[in-house]
All heavy atoms as atom14 arrays in JSON, in Angstrom:
{
  "sequence": "TGWLRYAEDGELENDVPGGHHRVDATVRQRSGMWRVEELYLHEAGT",
  "atom14_mask": [
    [1, 1, 1, 1, 1, 1, 1, 0, 0, 0, 0, 0, 0, 0],
    [1, 1, 1, 1, 0, 0, 0, 0, 0, 0, 0, 0, 0, 0],
    [1, 1, 1, 1, 1, 1, 1, 1, 1, 1, 1, 1, 1, 1],
    [1, 1, 1, 1, 1, 1, 1, 1, 0, 0, 0, 0, 0, 0],
    [1, 1, 1, 1, 1, 1, 1, 1, 1, 1, 1, 0, 0, 0],
    [1, 1, 1, 1, 1, 1, 1, 1, 1, 1, 1, 1, 0, 0],
    [1, 1, 1, 1, 1, 0, 0, 0, 0, 0, 0, 0, 0, 0],
    [1, 1, 1, 1, 1, 1, 1, 1, 1, 0, 0, 0, 0, 0],
    [1, 1, 1, 1, 1, 1, 1, 1, 0, 0, 0, 0, 0, 0],
    [1, 1, 1, 1, 0, 0, 0, 0, 0, 0, 0, 0, 0, 0],
    [1, 1, 1, 1, 1, 1, 1, 1, 1, 0, 0, 0, 0, 0],
    [1, 1, 1, 1, 1, 1, 1, 1, 0, 0, 0, 0, 0, 0],
    [1, 1, 1, 1, 1, 1, 1, 1, 1, 0, 0, 0, 0, 0],
    [1, 1, 1, 1, 1, 1, 1, 1, 0, 0, 0, 0, 0, 0],
    [1, 1, 1, 1, 1, 1, 1, 1, 0, 0, 0, 0, 0, 0],
    [1, 1, 1, 1, 1, 1, 1, 0, 0, 0, 0, 0, 0, 0],
    [1, 1, 1, 1, 1, 1, 1, 0, 0, 0, 0, 0, 0, 0],
    [1, 1, 1, 1, 0, 0, 0, 0, 0, 0, 0, 0, 0, 0],
    [1, 1, 1, 1, 0, 0, 0, 0, 0, 0, 0, 0, 0, 0],
    [1, 1, 1, 1, 1, 1, 1, 1, 1, 1, 0, 0, 0, 0],
    [1, 1, 1, 1, 1, 1, 1, 1, 1, 1, 0, 0, 0, 0],
    [1, 1, 1, 1, 1, 1, 1, 1, 1, 1, 1, 0, 0, 0],
    [1, 1, 1, 1, 1, 1, 1, 0, 0, 0, 0, 0, 0, 0],
    [1, 1, 1, 1, 1, 1, 1, 1, 0, 0, 0, 0, 0, 0],
    [1, 1, 1, 1, 1, 0, 0, 0, 0, 0, 0, 0, 0, 0],
    [1, 1, 1, 1, 1, 1, 1, 0, 0, 0, 0, 0, 0, 0],
    [1, 1, 1, 1, 1, 1, 1, 0, 0, 0, 0, 0, 0, 0],
    [1, 1, 1, 1, 1, 1, 1, 1, 1, 1, 1, 0, 0, 0],
    [1, 1, 1, 1, 1, 1, 1, 1, 1, 0, 0, 0, 0, 0],
    [1, 1, 1, 1, 1, 1, 1, 1, 1, 1, 1, 0, 0, 0],
    [1, 1, 1, 1, 1, 1, 0, 0, 0, 0, 0, 0, 0, 0],
    [1, 1, 1, 1, 0, 0, 0, 0, 0, 0, 0, 0, 0, 0],
    [1, 1, 1, 1, 1, 1, 1, 1, 0, 0, 0, 0, 0, 0],
    [1, 1, 1, 1, 1, 1, 1, 1, 1, 1, 1, 1, 1, 1],
    [1, 1, 1, 1, 1, 1, 1, 1, 1, 1, 1, 0, 0, 0],
    [1, 1, 1, 1, 1, 1, 1, 0, 0, 0, 0, 0, 0, 0],
    [1, 1, 1, 1, 1, 1, 1, 1, 1, 0, 0, 0, 0, 0],
    [1, 1, 1, 1, 1, 1, 1, 1, 1, 0, 0, 0, 0, 0],
    [1, 1, 1, 1, 1, 1, 1, 1, 0, 0, 0, 0, 0, 0],
    [1, 1, 1, 1, 1, 1, 1, 1, 1, 1, 1, 1, 0, 0],
    [1, 1, 1, 1, 1, 1, 1, 1, 0, 0, 0, 0, 0, 0],
    [1, 1, 1, 1, 1, 1, 1, 1, 1, 1, 0, 0, 0, 0],
    [1, 1, 1, 1, 1, 1, 1, 1, 1, 0, 0, 0, 0, 0],
    [1, 1, 1, 1, 1, 0, 0, 0, 0, 0, 0, 0, 0, 0],
    [1, 1, 1, 1, 0, 0, 0, 0, 0, 0, 0, 0, 0, 0],
    [1, 1, 1, 1, 1, 1, 1, 0, 0, 0, 0, 0, 0, 0]
  ],
  "atom14_positions": [
    [[-71.26, 177.34, -18.24], [-71.09, 177.9, -19.56], [-69.81, 178.68, -19.71], [-69.29, 178.87, -20.85], [-72.4, 178.55, -19.98], [-72.52, 179.69, -18.98], [-73.58, 177.78, -20.05], [0.0, 0.0, 0.0], [0.0, 0.0, 0.0], [0.0, 0.0, 0.0], [0.0, 0.0, 0.0], [0.0, 0.0, 0.0], [0.0, 0.0, 0.0], [0.0, 0.0, 0.0]],
    [[-69.39, 179.2, -18.63], [-68.1, 179.97, -18.79], [-66.79, 179.19, -18.14], [-65.82, 179.87, -17.92], [0.0, 0.0, 0.0], [0.0, 0.0, 0.0], [0.0, 0.0, 0.0], [0.0, 0.0, 0.0], [0.0, 0.0, 0.0], [0.0, 0.0, 0.0], [0.0, 0.0, 0.0], [0.0, 0.0, 0.0], [0.0, 0.0, 0.0], [0.0, 0.0, 0.0]],
    [[-67.08, 178.05, -17.98], [-65.99, 177.04, -17.42], [-65.49, 176.23, -18.56], [-66.13, 175.24, -18.9], [-66.48, 176.38, -16.23], [-65.57, 175.44, -15.6], [-65.58, 174.13, -15.6], [-64.51, 175.87, -14.86], [-64.53, 173.66, -14.71], [-63.82, 174.78, -14.34], [-63.97, 177.13, -14.36], [-62.75, 174.8, -13.53], [-62.9, 177.15, -13.63], [-62.25, 176.03, -13.17]],
    [[-64.28, 176.4, -19.05], [-63.81, 175.79, -20.27], [-62.51, 175.07, -20.09], [-61.71, 175.4, -19.18], [-63.73, 176.8, -21.43], [-65.02, 177.56, -21.71], [-64.73, 178.58, -22.76], [-66.2, 176.59, -22.16], [0.0, 0.0, 0.0], [0.0, 0.0, 0.0], [0.0, 0.0, 0.0], [0.0, 0.0, 0.0], [0.0, 0.0, 0.0], [0.0, 0.0, 0.0]],
    [[-62.2, 174.1, -20.9], [-60.93, 173.46, -20.83], [-59.96, 174.0, -21.91], [-60.34, 174.31, -23.02], [-61.13, 171.96, -21.09], [-61.82, 171.34, -20.03], [-61.88, 169.78, -19.98], [-62.41, 169.23, -21.15], [-62.62, 167.92, -21.44], [-62.23, 167.06, -20.43], [-63.1, 167.55, -22.45], [0.0, 0.0, 0.0], [0.0, 0.0, 0.0], [0.0, 0.0, 0.0]],
    [[-58.76, 174.07, -21.43], [-57.7, 174.65, -22.33], [-56.51, 173.68, -22.37], [-56.31, 172.92, -21.39], [-57.09, 175.97, -21.73], [-58.11, 177.08, -21.78], [-59.13, 177.18, -20.78], [-58.14, 178.04, -22.86], [-60.03, 178.25, -20.78], [-59.12, 179.09, -22.84], [-60.08, 179.17, -21.88], [-60.98, 180.07, -21.92], [0.0, 0.0, 0.0], [0.0, 0.0, 0.0]],
    [[-55.8, 173.68, -23.45], [-54.55, 172.9, -23.49], [-53.52, 173.56, -22.59], [-53.76, 174.68, -22.32], [-54.02, 172.89, -24.95], [0.0, 0.0, 0.0], [0.0, 0.0, 0.0], [0.0, 0.0, 0.0], [0.0, 0.0, 0.0], [0.0, 0.0, 0.0], [0.0, 0.0, 0.0], [0.0, 0.0, 0.0], [0.0, 0.0, 0.0], [0.0, 0.0, 0.0]],
    [[-52.49, 172.9, -22.24], [-51.6, 173.54, -21.2], [-50.81, 174.77, -21.9], [-50.3, 175.6, -21.13], [-50.53, 172.42, -20.78], [-51.27, 171.48, -19.83], [-50.31, 170.29, -19.45], [-49.37, 170.08, -20.12], [-50.72, 169.64, -18.47], [0.0, 0.0, 0.0], [0.0, 0.0, 0.0], [0.0, 0.0, 0.0], [0.0, 0.0, 0.0], [0.0, 0.0, 0.0]],
    [[-50.83, 174.84, -23.22], [-50.22, 176.03, -23.83], [-51.2, 177.21, -23.9], [-50.83, 178.28, -24.43], [-49.77, 175.6, -25.26], [-50.94, 175.26, -26.18], [-52.11, 175.44, -25.82], [-50.68, 174.87, -27.43], [0.0, 0.0, 0.0], [0.0, 0.0, 0.0], [0.0, 0.0, 0.0], [0.0, 0.0, 0.0], [0.0, 0.0, 0.0], [0.0, 0.0, 0.0]],
    [[-52.37, 176.98, -23.39], [-53.34, 178.14, -23.26], [-54.33, 178.16, -24.4], [-55.25, 179.0, -24.34], [0.0, 0.0, 0.0], [0.0, 0.0, 0.0], [0.0, 0.0, 0.0], [0.0, 0.0, 0.0], [0.0, 0.0, 0.0], [0.0, 0.0, 0.0], [0.0, 0.0, 0.0], [0.0, 0.0, 0.0], [0.0, 0.0, 0.0], [0.0, 0.0, 0.0]],
    [[-54.27, 177.32, -25.4], [-55.24, 177.25, -26.43], [-56.53, 176.57, -25.93], [-56.48, 175.51, -25.39], [-54.66, 176.59, -27.7], [-55.56, 176.67, -28.89], [-54.96, 176.34, -30.19], [-53.67, 176.65, -30.25], [-55.49, 175.82, -31.12], [0.0, 0.0, 0.0], [0.0, 0.0, 0.0], [0.0, 0.0, 0.0], [0.0, 0.0, 0.0], [0.0, 0.0, 0.0]],
    [[-57.67, 177.09, -26.39], [-59.01, 176.57, -25.93], [-59.18, 175.16, -26.56], [-58.76, 174.97, -27.71], [-60.07, 177.48, -26.53], [-61.49, 177.26, -26.09], [-61.58, 177.29, -24.53], [-62.5, 178.2, -26.69], [0.0, 0.0, 0.0], [0.0, 0.0, 0.0], [0.0, 0.0, 0.0], [0.0, 0.0, 0.0], [0.0, 0.0, 0.0], [0.0, 0.0, 0.0]],
    [[-59.55, 174.17, -25.8], [-59.74, 172.85, -26.33], [-60.64, 172.78, -27.55], [-60.41, 172.02, -28.55], [-60.3, 171.95, -25.24], [-60.64, 170.51, -25.71], [-61.4, 169.64, -24.71], [-62.23, 170.31, -23.91], [-61.14, 168.48, -24.67], [0.0, 0.0, 0.0], [0.0, 0.0, 0.0], [0.0, 0.0, 0.0], [0.0, 0.0, 0.0], [0.0, 0.0, 0.0]],
    [[-61.83, 173.47, -27.46], [-62.74, 173.46, -28.64], [-63.62, 174.68, -28.31], [-63.5, 175.38, -27.34], [-63.65, 172.23, -28.66], [-64.35, 171.78, -27.43], [-64.81, 172.7, -26.8], [-64.34, 170.6, -27.08], [0.0, 0.0, 0.0], [0.0, 0.0, 0.0], [0.0, 0.0, 0.0], [0.0, 0.0, 0.0], [0.0, 0.0, 0.0], [0.0, 0.0, 0.0]],
    [[-64.61, 174.93, -29.28], [-65.42, 176.06, -29.06], [-66.81, 175.76, -28.55], [-67.74, 176.57, -28.6], [-65.55, 176.83, -30.45], [-66.21, 175.97, -31.54], [-66.46, 174.75, -31.21], [-66.48, 176.52, -32.58], [0.0, 0.0, 0.0], [0.0, 0.0, 0.0], [0.0, 0.0, 0.0], [0.0, 0.0, 0.0], [0.0, 0.0, 0.0], [0.0, 0.0, 0.0]],
    [[-66.93, 174.69, -27.78], [-68.13, 174.22, -27.23], [-68.18, 174.75, -25.8], [-67.38, 174.44, -25.08], [-68.19, 172.68, -27.25], [-69.54, 172.19, -26.56], [-68.14, 172.2, -28.62], [0.0, 0.0, 0.0], [0.0, 0.0, 0.0], [0.0, 0.0, 0.0], [0.0, 0.0, 0.0], [0.0, 0.0, 0.0], [0.0, 0.0, 0.0], [0.0, 0.0, 0.0]],
    [[-69.19, 175.58, -25.54], [-69.27, 176.17, -24.11], [-69.74, 174.93, -23.23], [-70.31, 174.0, -23.59], [-70.31, 177.17, -24.21], [-71.15, 176.88, -25.4], [-70.22, 176.07, -26.38], [0.0, 0.0, 0.0], [0.0, 0.0, 0.0], [0.0, 0.0, 0.0], [0.0, 0.0, 0.0], [0.0, 0.0, 0.0], [0.0, 0.0, 0.0], [0.0, 0.0, 0.0]],
    [[-69.45, 175.26, -21.89], [-69.95, 174.32, -20.81], [-71.48, 174.36, -20.87], [-72.0, 175.21, -21.66], [0.0, 0.0, 0.0], [0.0, 0.0, 0.0], [0.0, 0.0, 0.0], [0.0, 0.0, 0.0], [0.0, 0.0, 0.0], [0.0, 0.0, 0.0], [0.0, 0.0, 0.0], [0.0, 0.0, 0.0], [0.0, 0.0, 0.0], [0.0, 0.0, 0.0]],
    [[-72.13, 173.65, -19.96], [-73.56, 173.74, -19.96], [-73.98, 173.77, -18.43], [-73.27, 174.15, -17.58], [0.0, 0.0, 0.0], [0.0, 0.0, 0.0], [0.0, 0.0, 0.0], [0.0, 0.0, 0.0], [0.0, 0.0, 0.0], [0.0, 0.0, 0.0], [0.0, 0.0, 0.0], [0.0, 0.0, 0.0], [0.0, 0.0, 0.0], [0.0, 0.0, 0.0]],
    [[-75.3, 173.53, -18.36], [-76.06, 173.59, -17.03], [-76.08, 172.17, -16.45], [-76.7, 171.29, -17.21], [-77.4, 174.25, -17.09], [-77.25, 175.71, -17.34], [-77.22, 176.21, -18.71], [-77.22, 176.76, -16.53], [-77.1, 177.48, -18.6], [-77.16, 177.81, -17.38], [0.0, 0.0, 0.0], [0.0, 0.0, 0.0], [0.0, 0.0, 0.0], [0.0, 0.0, 0.0]],
    [[-75.56, 171.79, -15.36], [-75.46, 170.48, -14.85], [-76.13, 170.34, -13.49], [-75.84, 171.17, -12.62], [-73.97, 170.05, -14.59], [-73.15, 170.15, -15.9], [-72.97, 169.07, -16.68], [-72.51, 171.19, -16.46], [-72.15, 169.43, -17.68], [-71.94, 170.7, -17.57], [0.0, 0.0, 0.0], [0.0, 0.0, 0.0], [0.0, 0.0, 0.0], [0.0, 0.0, 0.0]],
    [[-76.99, 169.4, -13.36], [-77.51, 169.09, -12.02], [-76.44, 168.37, -11.17], [-75.75, 167.68, -11.63], [-78.77, 168.17, -12.17], [-79.29, 167.76, -10.85], [-80.46, 166.88, -11.01], [-80.72, 166.12, -9.74], [-81.71, 165.26, -9.53], [-82.5, 165.07, -10.53], [-81.88, 164.69, -8.36], [0.0, 0.0, 0.0], [0.0, 0.0, 0.0], [0.0, 0.0, 0.0]],
    [[-76.36, 169.0, -9.94], [-75.4, 168.4, -8.98], [-76.17, 167.93, -7.79], [-76.94, 168.7, -7.33], [-74.28, 169.46, -8.58], [-73.33, 168.85, -7.58], [-73.57, 169.88, -9.71], [0.0, 0.0, 0.0], [0.0, 0.0, 0.0], [0.0, 0.0, 0.0], [0.0, 0.0, 0.0], [0.0, 0.0, 0.0], [0.0, 0.0, 0.0], [0.0, 0.0, 0.0]],
    [[-75.97, 166.71, -7.33], [-76.43, 166.29, -6.07], [-75.38, 165.95, -5.14], [-74.34, 165.26, -5.41], [-77.29, 164.87, -6.3], [-78.53, 165.1, -7.16], [-79.34, 165.92, -6.81], [-78.65, 164.31, -8.15], [0.0, 0.0, 0.0], [0.0, 0.0, 0.0], [0.0, 0.0, 0.0], [0.0, 0.0, 0.0], [0.0, 0.0, 0.0], [0.0, 0.0, 0.0]],
    [[-75.54, 166.57, -3.94], [-74.37, 166.48, -3.03], [-74.79, 166.02, -1.65], [-75.93, 166.65, -1.24], [-73.52, 167.63, -2.89], [0.0, 0.0, 0.0], [0.0, 0.0, 0.0], [0.0, 0.0, 0.0], [0.0, 0.0, 0.0], [0.0, 0.0, 0.0], [0.0, 0.0, 0.0], [0.0, 0.0, 0.0], [0.0, 0.0, 0.0], [0.0, 0.0, 0.0]],
    [[-74.08, 165.32, -0.84], [-74.31, 165.17, 0.58], [-73.15, 165.61, 1.34], [-72.13, 165.24, 1.1], [-74.61, 163.66, 0.87], [-75.66, 163.11, 0.05], [-74.88, 163.34, 2.39], [0.0, 0.0, 0.0], [0.0, 0.0, 0.0], [0.0, 0.0, 0.0], [0.0, 0.0, 0.0], [0.0, 0.0, 0.0], [0.0, 0.0, 0.0], [0.0, 0.0, 0.0]],
    [[-73.5, 166.5, 2.27], [-72.54, 167.25, 3.23], [-72.83, 166.6, 4.5], [-73.91, 166.7, 5.01], [-72.7, 168.68, 3.05], [-71.53, 169.39, 3.75], [-72.73, 169.29, 1.6], [0.0, 0.0, 0.0], [0.0, 0.0, 0.0], [0.0, 0.0, 0.0], [0.0, 0.0, 0.0], [0.0, 0.0, 0.0], [0.0, 0.0, 0.0], [0.0, 0.0, 0.0]],
    [[-71.72, 166.34, 5.17], [-71.76, 165.73, 6.59], [-70.9, 166.44, 7.41], [-69.73, 166.86, 7.08], [-71.41, 164.22, 6.52], [-72.39, 163.29, 5.87], [-72.04, 161.88, 6.07], [-72.61, 161.01, 5.12], [-73.82, 160.49, 5.25], [-74.57, 160.74, 6.22], [-74.24, 159.64, 4.32], [0.0, 0.0, 0.0], [0.0, 0.0, 0.0], [0.0, 0.0, 0.0]],
    [[-71.26, 166.55, 8.7], [-70.49, 167.2, 9.69], [-69.94, 166.03, 10.48], [-70.56, 165.17, 11.1], [-71.31, 168.09, 10.67], [-70.42, 168.75, 11.65], [-71.31, 169.59, 12.65], [-72.36, 169.05, 13.07], [-70.9, 170.76, 12.91], [0.0, 0.0, 0.0], [0.0, 0.0, 0.0], [0.0, 0.0, 0.0], [0.0, 0.0, 0.0], [0.0, 0.0, 0.0]],
    [[-68.52, 166.01, 10.65], [-67.7, 165.11, 11.51], [-66.77, 165.79, 12.28], [-66.05, 166.62, 11.71], [-67.24, 163.92, 10.53], [-68.26, 163.09, 9.89], [-67.63, 161.99, 9.11], [-68.37, 161.32, 8.18], [-69.23, 160.42, 8.54], [-69.46, 160.02, 9.68], [-70.0, 159.83, 7.5], [0.0, 0.0, 0.0], [0.0, 0.0, 0.0], [0.0, 0.0, 0.0]],
    [[-66.65, 165.64, 13.49], [-65.83, 166.29, 14.37], [-65.85, 167.82, 14.16], [-64.86, 168.42, 14.11], [-64.3, 165.84, 14.09], [-64.24, 164.37, 14.17], [0.0, 0.0, 0.0], [0.0, 0.0, 0.0], [0.0, 0.0, 0.0], [0.0, 0.0, 0.0], [0.0, 0.0, 0.0], [0.0, 0.0, 0.0], [0.0, 0.0, 0.0], [0.0, 0.0, 0.0]],
    [[-66.94, 168.3, 14.0], [-67.2, 169.72, 14.01], [-66.93, 170.4, 12.56], [-67.0, 171.52, 12.35], [0.0, 0.0, 0.0], [0.0, 0.0, 0.0], [0.0, 0.0, 0.0], [0.0, 0.0, 0.0], [0.0, 0.0, 0.0], [0.0, 0.0, 0.0], [0.0, 0.0, 0.0], [0.0, 0.0, 0.0], [0.0, 0.0, 0.0], [0.0, 0.0, 0.0]],
    [[-66.6, 169.56, 11.53], [-66.2, 170.02, 10.28], [-67.19, 169.49, 9.18], [-67.42, 168.33, 9.15], [-64.77, 169.57, 9.91], [-64.32, 170.09, 8.61], [-63.55, 171.59, 9.0], [-62.48, 171.71, 7.54], [0.0, 0.0, 0.0], [0.0, 0.0, 0.0], [0.0, 0.0, 0.0], [0.0, 0.0, 0.0], [0.0, 0.0, 0.0], [0.0, 0.0, 0.0]],
    [[-67.72, 170.44, 8.5], [-68.58, 170.07, 7.31], [-67.82, 169.83, 6.1], [-66.97, 170.58, 5.61], [-69.59, 171.28, 7.01], [-70.59, 171.24, 8.01], [-70.57, 172.11, 9.2], [-71.94, 170.6, 8.11], [-71.77, 172.05, 9.98], [-72.59, 171.14, 9.25], [-72.55, 169.66, 7.36], [-73.88, 170.62, 9.57], [-73.84, 169.19, 7.72], [-74.42, 169.62, 8.95]],
    [[-68.0, 168.58, 5.49], [-67.33, 168.24, 4.21], [-68.31, 167.5, 3.28], [-69.24, 166.76, 3.72], [-66.22, 167.28, 4.45], [-64.96, 167.9, 5.03], [-63.83, 166.91, 4.96], [-62.65, 167.56, 5.38], [-62.11, 167.63, 6.57], [-62.78, 167.03, 7.54], [-61.03, 168.25, 6.85], [0.0, 0.0, 0.0], [0.0, 0.0, 0.0], [0.0, 0.0, 0.0]],
    [[-68.1, 167.73, 1.95], [-68.9, 167.01, 0.92], [-68.45, 165.65, 0.85], [-67.17, 165.4, 0.6], [-68.9, 167.74, -0.42], [-69.7, 166.92, -1.41], [-69.35, 169.26, -0.29], [0.0, 0.0, 0.0], [0.0, 0.0, 0.0], [0.0, 0.0, 0.0], [0.0, 0.0, 0.0], [0.0, 0.0, 0.0], [0.0, 0.0, 0.0], [0.0, 0.0, 0.0]],
    [[-69.28, 164.76, 1.16], [-68.87, 163.29, 1.12], [-69.41, 162.49, -0.15], [-68.75, 161.65, -0.63], [-69.38, 162.59, 2.29], [-68.66, 162.91, 3.6], [-68.91, 161.98, 4.73], [-69.88, 161.1, 4.65], [-68.35, 162.2, 5.79], [0.0, 0.0, 0.0], [0.0, 0.0, 0.0], [0.0, 0.0, 0.0], [0.0, 0.0, 0.0], [0.0, 0.0, 0.0]],
    [[-70.59, 162.94, -0.7], [-71.09, 162.31, -1.84], [-71.34, 163.39, -2.99], [-71.8, 164.46, -2.48], [-72.39, 161.57, -1.5], [-72.24, 160.5, -0.54], [-73.59, 159.94, -0.07], [-74.61, 159.97, -0.81], [-73.68, 159.37, 1.05], [0.0, 0.0, 0.0], [0.0, 0.0, 0.0], [0.0, 0.0, 0.0], [0.0, 0.0, 0.0], [0.0, 0.0, 0.0]],
    [[-70.98, 163.1, -4.1], [-71.05, 164.14, -5.13], [-71.49, 163.4, -6.45], [-70.79, 162.49, -6.88], [-69.69, 164.88, -5.33], [-69.77, 166.03, -6.3], [-70.68, 167.09, -5.86], [-68.28, 166.61, -6.44], [0.0, 0.0, 0.0], [0.0, 0.0, 0.0], [0.0, 0.0, 0.0], [0.0, 0.0, 0.0], [0.0, 0.0, 0.0], [0.0, 0.0, 0.0]],
    [[-72.54, 163.81, -7.01], [-72.86, 163.29, -8.38], [-73.26, 164.32, -9.35], [-73.99, 165.22, -9.14], [-74.27, 162.38, -8.17], [-74.58, 161.55, -9.53], [-74.04, 160.3, -9.61], [-75.33, 162.24, -10.43], [-74.32, 159.62, -10.79], [-75.57, 161.44, -11.65], [-75.09, 160.25, -11.78], [-75.26, 159.59, -12.98], [0.0, 0.0, 0.0], [0.0, 0.0, 0.0]],
    [[-72.49, 164.27, -10.39], [-72.56, 165.37, -11.5], [-73.23, 164.76, -12.68], [-72.86, 163.84, -13.3], [-71.07, 165.82, -11.92], [-70.24, 166.17, -10.77], [-68.81, 166.33, -11.31], [-70.68, 167.3, -10.04], [0.0, 0.0, 0.0], [0.0, 0.0, 0.0], [0.0, 0.0, 0.0], [0.0, 0.0, 0.0], [0.0, 0.0, 0.0], [0.0, 0.0, 0.0]],
    [[-74.33, 165.42, -12.99], [-75.1, 164.86, -14.19], [-74.71, 165.62, -15.46], [-73.9, 166.6, -15.46], [-76.61, 165.28, -13.89], [-77.16, 164.58, -12.69], [-77.81, 163.4, -12.79], [-77.02, 164.9, -11.33], [-78.21, 163.02, -11.6], [-77.82, 163.97, -10.64], [0.0, 0.0, 0.0], [0.0, 0.0, 0.0], [0.0, 0.0, 0.0], [0.0, 0.0, 0.0]],
    [[-75.1, 165.05, -16.56], [-74.75, 165.46, -17.87], [-75.22, 166.98, -18.13], [-76.06, 167.48, -17.55], [-75.26, 164.77, -18.94], [-74.69, 163.3, -18.95], [-75.23, 162.41, -19.99], [-76.06, 162.81, -20.89], [-75.11, 161.16, -19.87], [0.0, 0.0, 0.0], [0.0, 0.0, 0.0], [0.0, 0.0, 0.0], [0.0, 0.0, 0.0], [0.0, 0.0, 0.0]],
    [[-74.65, 167.63, -19.08], [-75.03, 169.02, -19.46], [-76.49, 168.96, -19.95], [-76.92, 168.05, -20.59], [-74.16, 169.44, -20.62], [0.0, 0.0, 0.0], [0.0, 0.0, 0.0], [0.0, 0.0, 0.0], [0.0, 0.0, 0.0], [0.0, 0.0, 0.0], [0.0, 0.0, 0.0], [0.0, 0.0, 0.0], [0.0, 0.0, 0.0], [0.0, 0.0, 0.0]],
    [[-77.24, 170.05, -19.56], [-78.6, 170.05, -19.98], [-79.52, 169.46, -19.04], [-80.77, 169.25, -19.29], [0.0, 0.0, 0.0], [0.0, 0.0, 0.0], [0.0, 0.0, 0.0], [0.0, 0.0, 0.0], [0.0, 0.0, 0.0], [0.0, 0.0, 0.0], [0.0, 0.0, 0.0], [0.0, 0.0, 0.0], [0.0, 0.0, 0.0], [0.0, 0.0, 0.0]],
    [[-79.03, 168.97, -17.86], [-80.01, 168.31, -16.82], [-80.71, 169.27, -15.96], [-81.39, 168.78, -14.96], [-79.17, 167.26, -16.07], [-77.93, 167.79, -15.68], [-78.81, 166.07, -17.05], [0.0, 0.0, 0.0], [0.0, 0.0, 0.0], [0.0, 0.0, 0.0], [0.0, 0.0, 0.0], [0.0, 0.0, 0.0], [0.0, 0.0, 0.0], [0.0, 0.0, 0.0]]
  ]
}
């Protein structure tokens, strides 16, 4: 809700606030390092 898009000149894209999004992620450890490999972002309001 506080994460908004702006034009490069600094003007707000629109007055629509962000929303609450379900995120599903799979994190894997390879060679001792954890990284997000799968990421699914659902629509606002999910």
